[in-house]
Amino acid sequence: MKDIEDGPSFLSIFYELIESGVINIIRYTKRTLTETYALAGKHKLTVYDATFLHLALETGMELKSLDTRLLRVFNSEAD
């Protein structure tokens, strides 16, 4: 029960991190959904995998995965 009791203070810290810009909230728009579905179709990926691929490409972050095929697709798209 301690975790539940501590919830409000953790949420407060989380919101402060968002407001300060340390944590960025990425909102999916029609454009990003369209691009994600295009990646899924182009590479025959699930939309789930394509979402992570798109987020990594969009943010410029490295994709970490145990899925070697997904990593190959990421590397080909990132070039």
C-alpha atoms as a PDB file:
ATOM      1  CA  MET A   1       0.000   0.000   0.000  1.00  0.00           C
ATOM      2  CA  LYS A   2       2.938   2.337   0.419  1.00  0.00           C
ATOM      3  CA  ASP A   3       3.256   2.763  -3.378  1.00  0.00           C
ATOM      4  CA  ILE A   4      -0.356   3.914  -3.609  1.00  0.00           C
ATOM      5  CA  GLU A   5       0.128   6.321  -0.724  1.00  0.00           C
ATOM      6  CA  ASP A   6       3.247   7.767  -2.387  1.00  0.00           C
ATOM      7  CA  GLY A   7       1.492   8.129  -5.748  1.00  0.00           C
ATOM      8  CA  PRO A   8       0.556  11.818  -5.472  1.00  0.00           C
ATOM      9  CA  SER A   9       4.116  12.871  -4.622  1.00  0.00           C
ATOM     10  CA  PHE A  10       5.514  10.804  -7.520  1.00  0.00           C
ATOM     11  CA  LEU A  11       2.982  12.353  -9.884  1.00  0.00           C
ATOM     12  CA  SER A  12       3.952  15.793  -8.667  1.00  0.00           C
ATOM     13  CA  ILE A  13       7.614  15.094  -9.453  1.00  0.00           C
ATOM     14  CA  PHE A  14       6.658  13.639 -12.838  1.00  0.00           C
ATOM     15  CA  TYR A  15       4.640  16.743 -13.744  1.00  0.00           C
ATOM     16  CA  GLU A  16       7.517  18.994 -12.673  1.00  0.00           C
ATOM     17  CA  LEU A  17       9.875  17.074 -14.963  1.00  0.00           C
ATOM     18  CA  ILE A  18       7.439  17.487 -17.855  1.00  0.00           C
ATOM     19  CA  GLU A  19       6.967  21.197 -17.212  1.00  0.00           C
ATOM     20  CA  SER A  20      10.725  21.777 -16.951  1.00  0.00           C
ATOM     21  CA  GLY A  21      11.323  20.051 -20.289  1.00  0.00           C
ATOM     22  CA  VAL A  22      13.373  17.178 -18.871  1.00  0.00           C
ATOM     23  CA  ILE A  23      10.663  14.780 -20.052  1.00  0.00           C
ATOM     24  CA  ASN A  24       9.048  15.442 -23.410  1.00  0.00           C
ATOM     25  CA  ILE A  25       5.577  14.235 -24.208  1.00  0.00           C
ATOM     26  CA  ILE A  26       5.285  13.238 -27.835  1.00  0.00           C
ATOM     27  CA  ARG A  27       1.808  13.642 -29.211  1.00  0.00           C
ATOM     28  CA  TYR A  28       0.856  11.612 -32.206  1.00  0.00           C
ATOM     29  CA  THR A  29      -0.748  13.627 -34.967  1.00  0.00           C
ATOM     30  CA  LYS A  30      -2.345  12.639 -38.228  1.00  0.00           C
ATOM     31  CA  ARG A  31       1.042  13.164 -39.916  1.00  0.00           C
ATOM     32  CA  THR A  32       2.939  10.940 -37.489  1.00  0.00           C
ATOM     33  CA  LEU A  33       0.287   8.230 -37.670  1.00  0.00           C
ATOM     34  CA  THR A  34       0.411   8.339 -41.467  1.00  0.00           C
ATOM     35  CA  GLU A  35       4.210   8.081 -41.417  1.00  0.00           C
ATOM     36  CA  THR A  36       4.074   5.211 -38.922  1.00  0.00           C
ATOM     37  CA  TYR A  37       1.603   3.268 -41.056  1.00  0.00           C
ATOM     38  CA  ALA A  38       3.754   3.956 -44.126  1.00  0.00           C
ATOM     39  CA  LEU A  39       6.811   2.515 -42.352  1.00  0.00           C
ATOM     40  CA  ALA A  40       4.792  -0.524 -41.303  1.00  0.00           C
ATOM     41  CA  GLY A  41       3.658  -1.143 -44.865  1.00  0.00           C
ATOM     42  CA  LYS A  42       7.019  -0.421 -46.466  1.00  0.00           C
ATOM     43  CA  HIS A  43       8.920  -2.805 -44.189  1.00  0.00           C
ATOM     44  CA  LYS A  44       6.112  -5.276 -43.405  1.00  0.00           C
ATOM     45  CA  LEU A  45       6.241  -4.430 -39.699  1.00  0.00           C
ATOM     46  CA  THR A  46       3.520  -4.466 -37.118  1.00  0.00           C
ATOM     47  CA  VAL A  47       2.189  -1.017 -36.323  1.00  0.00           C
ATOM     48  CA  TYR A  48       3.519  -1.590 -32.796  1.00  0.00           C
ATOM     49  CA  ASP A  49       7.094  -2.045 -34.078  1.00  0.00           C
ATOM     50  CA  ALA A  50       6.696   0.759 -36.608  1.00  0.00           C
ATOM     51  CA  THR A  51       5.662   3.095 -33.790  1.00  0.00           C
ATOM     52  CA  PHE A  52       8.941   2.537 -31.961  1.00  0.00           C
ATOM     53  CA  LEU A  53      10.832   2.820 -35.236  1.00  0.00           C
ATOM     54  CA  HIS A  54       9.123   6.091 -36.089  1.00  0.00           C
ATOM     55  CA  LEU A  55       9.706   7.540 -32.619  1.00  0.00           C
ATOM     56  CA  ALA A  56      13.406   6.711 -32.793  1.00  0.00           C
ATOM     57  CA  LEU A  57      13.730   8.229 -36.252  1.00  0.00           C
ATOM     58  CA  GLU A  58      11.686  11.300 -35.336  1.00  0.00           C
ATOM     59  CA  THR A  59      13.618  12.038 -32.144  1.00  0.00           C
ATOM     60  CA  GLY A  60      17.040  11.098 -33.497  1.00  0.00           C
ATOM     61  CA  MET A  61      17.496   8.578 -30.726  1.00  0.00           C
ATOM     62  CA  GLU A  62      19.037   5.162 -31.192  1.00  0.00           C
ATOM     63  CA  LEU A  63      16.584   2.291 -31.315  1.00  0.00           C
ATOM     64  CA  LYS A  64      17.352  -0.455 -28.816  1.00  0.00           C
ATOM     65  CA  SER A  65      15.804  -3.841 -29.494  1.00  0.00           C
ATOM     66  CA  LEU A  66      16.563  -7.533 -29.476  1.00  0.00           C
ATOM     67  CA  ASP A  67      14.725  -7.730 -32.806  1.00  0.00           C
ATOM     68  CA  THR A  68      17.585  -7.811 -35.324  1.00  0.00           C
ATOM     69  CA  ARG A  69      15.268  -7.301 -38.282  1.00  0.00           C
ATOM     70  CA  LEU A  70      13.802  -4.168 -36.713  1.00  0.00           C
ATOM     71  CA  LEU A  71      17.317  -2.876 -36.025  1.00  0.00           C
ATOM     72  CA  ARG A  72      18.296  -3.478 -39.670  1.00  0.00           C
ATOM     73  CA  VAL A  73      15.253  -1.502 -40.788  1.00  0.00           C
ATOM     74  CA  PHE A  74      16.135   1.277 -38.353  1.00  0.00           C
ATOM     75  CA  ASN A  75      19.700   1.450 -39.648  1.00  0.00           C
ATOM     76  CA  SER A  76      18.528   1.541 -43.267  1.00  0.00           C
ATOM     77  CA  GLU A  77      16.002   4.313 -42.538  1.00  0.00           C
ATOM     78  CA  ALA A  78      18.400   6.314 -40.363  1.00  0.00           C
ATOM     79  CA  ASP A  79      21.009   6.559 -43.144  1.00  0.00           C
END
